[in-house]
Amino acid sequence: MSAYEGLLRVEGEDEPPIGVVVDLTDGRMRVSAGDIEVADWSLDEVRVAALLDGFHVRAEGDEVVLEIEDEGHFALDLGLKSGHPALRRKMAALLRDD
């Protein structure tokens, strides 16, 4: 799976989150809301931290938080090795099932 549905919010902003699709193909993270492309980053350009409130993505001096429905697969597709305990359990279960 390379496309994930979720919510995006800008860290530090009070605006409500927007529904997005995050596509992880070809070494890129493309974020779109409907027909609008919100972001298109090389995975080499971003830093992702899996925290309790979502995936904190830092790129180009900004930080956004992604709440992804299928967070276990998303974390594995990103190649993350760490995260909060519940996420690590989901990741371990997915790895066992494979």
C-alpha atoms as a PDB file:
ATOM      1  CA  MET A   1       0.000   0.000   0.000  1.00  0.00           C
ATOM      2  CA  SER A   2       1.372   3.403  -0.873  1.00  0.00           C
ATOM      3  CA  ALA A   3      -1.588   5.794  -0.415  1.00  0.00           C
ATOM      4  CA  TYR A   4      -2.971   6.592   3.025  1.00  0.00           C
ATOM      5  CA  GLU A   5      -5.990   8.602   4.117  1.00  0.00           C
ATOM      6  CA  GLY A   6      -5.776  10.875   7.104  1.00  0.00           C
ATOM      7  CA  LEU A   7      -5.952  14.351   8.538  1.00  0.00           C
ATOM      8  CA  LEU A   8      -3.375  17.130   8.298  1.00  0.00           C
ATOM      9  CA  ARG A   9      -2.913  20.071  10.614  1.00  0.00           C
ATOM     10  CA  VAL A  10      -0.173  22.659  10.857  1.00  0.00           C
ATOM     11  CA  GLU A  11       1.733  22.469  14.131  1.00  0.00           C
ATOM     12  CA  GLY A  12       0.990  25.492  16.299  1.00  0.00           C
ATOM     13  CA  GLU A  13      -2.103  26.567  14.341  1.00  0.00           C
ATOM     14  CA  ASP A  14      -5.670  26.535  15.674  1.00  0.00           C
ATOM     15  CA  GLU A  15      -7.269  25.726  12.317  1.00  0.00           C
ATOM     16  CA  PRO A  16      -9.185  22.432  12.115  1.00  0.00           C
ATOM     17  CA  PRO A  17      -7.429  19.561  10.311  1.00  0.00           C
ATOM     18  CA  ILE A  18      -8.150  18.857   6.651  1.00  0.00           C
ATOM     19  CA  GLY A  19      -8.724  15.476   5.044  1.00  0.00           C
ATOM     20  CA  VAL A  20      -5.775  14.387   2.912  1.00  0.00           C
ATOM     21  CA  VAL A  21      -4.336  11.466   1.001  1.00  0.00           C
ATOM     22  CA  VAL A  22      -0.631  10.820   1.478  1.00  0.00           C
ATOM     23  CA  ASP A  23       1.079   8.964  -1.375  1.00  0.00           C
ATOM     24  CA  LEU A  24       4.445   7.341  -0.653  1.00  0.00           C
ATOM     25  CA  THR A  25       5.789   6.267  -4.029  1.00  0.00           C
ATOM     26  CA  ASP A  26       9.020   6.799  -5.917  1.00  0.00           C
ATOM     27  CA  GLY A  27      10.857   8.033  -2.817  1.00  0.00           C
ATOM     28  CA  ARG A  28       8.462  10.956  -2.363  1.00  0.00           C
ATOM     29  CA  MET A  29       5.728  12.030   0.028  1.00  0.00           C
ATOM     30  CA  ARG A  30       2.893  13.663  -1.873  1.00  0.00           C
ATOM     31  CA  VAL A  31       0.038  15.106   0.153  1.00  0.00           C
ATOM     32  CA  SER A  32      -3.206  16.101  -1.535  1.00  0.00           C
ATOM     33  CA  ALA A  33      -6.597  17.363  -0.425  1.00  0.00           C
ATOM     34  CA  GLY A  34      -9.037  16.496  -3.159  1.00  0.00           C
ATOM     35  CA  ASP A  35      -7.569  17.849  -6.410  1.00  0.00           C
ATOM     36  CA  ILE A  36      -5.181  20.207  -4.605  1.00  0.00           C
ATOM     37  CA  GLU A  37      -1.579  19.176  -4.036  1.00  0.00           C
ATOM     38  CA  VAL A  38      -0.621  20.354  -0.556  1.00  0.00           C
ATOM     39  CA  ALA A  39       2.966  19.093  -0.542  1.00  0.00           C
ATOM     40  CA  ASP A  40       5.435  17.111  -2.636  1.00  0.00           C
ATOM     41  CA  TRP A  41       8.672  16.278  -0.821  1.00  0.00           C
ATOM     42  CA  SER A  42      11.496  13.869  -1.414  1.00  0.00           C
ATOM     43  CA  LEU A  43      11.606  11.478   1.539  1.00  0.00           C
ATOM     44  CA  ASP A  44      15.256  12.508   1.919  1.00  0.00           C
ATOM     45  CA  GLU A  45      14.072  16.077   2.645  1.00  0.00           C
ATOM     46  CA  VAL A  46      11.662  15.251   5.479  1.00  0.00           C
ATOM     47  CA  ARG A  47      12.076  14.258   9.094  1.00  0.00           C
ATOM     48  CA  VAL A  48       9.233  12.242  10.595  1.00  0.00           C
ATOM     49  CA  ALA A  49       8.616  11.614  14.279  1.00  0.00           C
ATOM     50  CA  ALA A  50       5.807   9.254  15.295  1.00  0.00           C
ATOM     51  CA  LEU A  51       4.239  10.795  18.403  1.00  0.00           C
ATOM     52  CA  LEU A  52       0.966  10.093  20.210  1.00  0.00           C
ATOM     53  CA  ASP A  53      -0.897  12.850  18.354  1.00  0.00           C
ATOM     54  CA  GLY A  54       0.306  11.761  14.897  1.00  0.00           C
ATOM     55  CA  PHE A  55       3.260  11.795  12.560  1.00  0.00           C
ATOM     56  CA  HIS A  56       5.130  15.089  12.892  1.00  0.00           C
ATOM     57  CA  VAL A  57       6.629  15.864   9.498  1.00  0.00           C
ATOM     58  CA  ARG A  58       9.289  18.570   9.234  1.00  0.00           C
ATOM     59  CA  ALA A  59      10.208  19.889   5.806  1.00  0.00           C
ATOM     60  CA  GLU A  60      11.236  23.216   4.332  1.00  0.00           C
ATOM     61  CA  GLY A  61      11.153  24.884   7.756  1.00  0.00           C
ATOM     62  CA  ASP A  62       7.544  23.907   8.471  1.00  0.00           C
ATOM     63  CA  GLU A  63       6.009  21.216  10.629  1.00  0.00           C
ATOM     64  CA  VAL A  64       2.735  19.475   9.932  1.00  0.00           C
ATOM     65  CA  VAL A  65       1.042  16.687  11.844  1.00  0.00           C
ATOM     66  CA  LEU A  66      -0.523  13.788   9.962  1.00  0.00           C
ATOM     67  CA  GLU A  67      -3.075  11.546  11.648  1.00  0.00           C
ATOM     68  CA  ILE A  68      -3.095   8.472   9.410  1.00  0.00           C
ATOM     69  CA  GLU A  69      -5.837   5.836   9.644  1.00  0.00           C
ATOM     70  CA  ASP A  70      -3.487   2.915   8.900  1.00  0.00           C
ATOM     71  CA  GLU A  71      -0.594   4.182  10.986  1.00  0.00           C
ATOM     72  CA  GLY A  72       1.182   0.825  11.272  1.00  0.00           C
ATOM     73  CA  HIS A  73       1.584   0.319   7.532  1.00  0.00           C
ATOM     74  CA  PHE A  74       2.382   4.009   7.072  1.00  0.00           C
ATOM     75  CA  ALA A  75       5.202   3.828   9.627  1.00  0.00           C
ATOM     76  CA  LEU A  76       6.623   0.700   8.017  1.00  0.00           C
ATOM     77  CA  ASP A  77       6.442   2.234   4.522  1.00  0.00           C
ATOM     78  CA  LEU A  78       8.360   5.236   5.842  1.00  0.00           C
ATOM     79  CA  GLY A  79      10.985   2.901   7.291  1.00  0.00           C
ATOM     80  CA  LEU A  80      10.461   4.136  10.833  1.00  0.00           C
ATOM     81  CA  LYS A  81      12.106   2.080  13.561  1.00  0.00           C
ATOM     82  CA  SER A  82      10.581   3.843  16.572  1.00  0.00           C
ATOM     83  CA  GLY A  83       7.354   5.378  17.750  1.00  0.00           C
ATOM     84  CA  HIS A  84       5.007   5.402  20.704  1.00  0.00           C
ATOM     85  CA  PRO A  85       4.304   1.978  22.293  1.00  0.00           C
ATOM     86  CA  ALA A  86       0.920   1.408  20.623  1.00  0.00           C
ATOM     87  CA  LEU A  87       2.409   2.141  17.198  1.00  0.00           C
ATOM     88  CA  ARG A  88       5.354  -0.180  17.832  1.00  0.00           C
ATOM     89  CA  ARG A  89       2.906  -2.974  18.727  1.00  0.00           C
ATOM     90  CA  LYS A  90       0.987  -2.413  15.464  1.00  0.00           C
ATOM     91  CA  MET A  91       4.224  -2.410  13.479  1.00  0.00           C
ATOM     92  CA  ALA A  92       5.428  -5.613  15.169  1.00  0.00           C
ATOM     93  CA  ALA A  93       2.099  -7.350  14.490  1.00  0.00           C
ATOM     94  CA  LEU A  94       2.259  -6.387  10.804  1.00  0.00           C
ATOM     95  CA  LEU A  95       5.830  -7.666  10.536  1.00  0.00           C
ATOM     96  CA  ARG A  96       4.813 -10.971  12.176  1.00  0.00           C
ATOM     97  CA  ASP A  97       1.909 -11.374   9.755  1.00  0.00           C
ATOM     98  CA  ASP A  98       4.218 -10.951   6.738  1.00  0.00           C
END
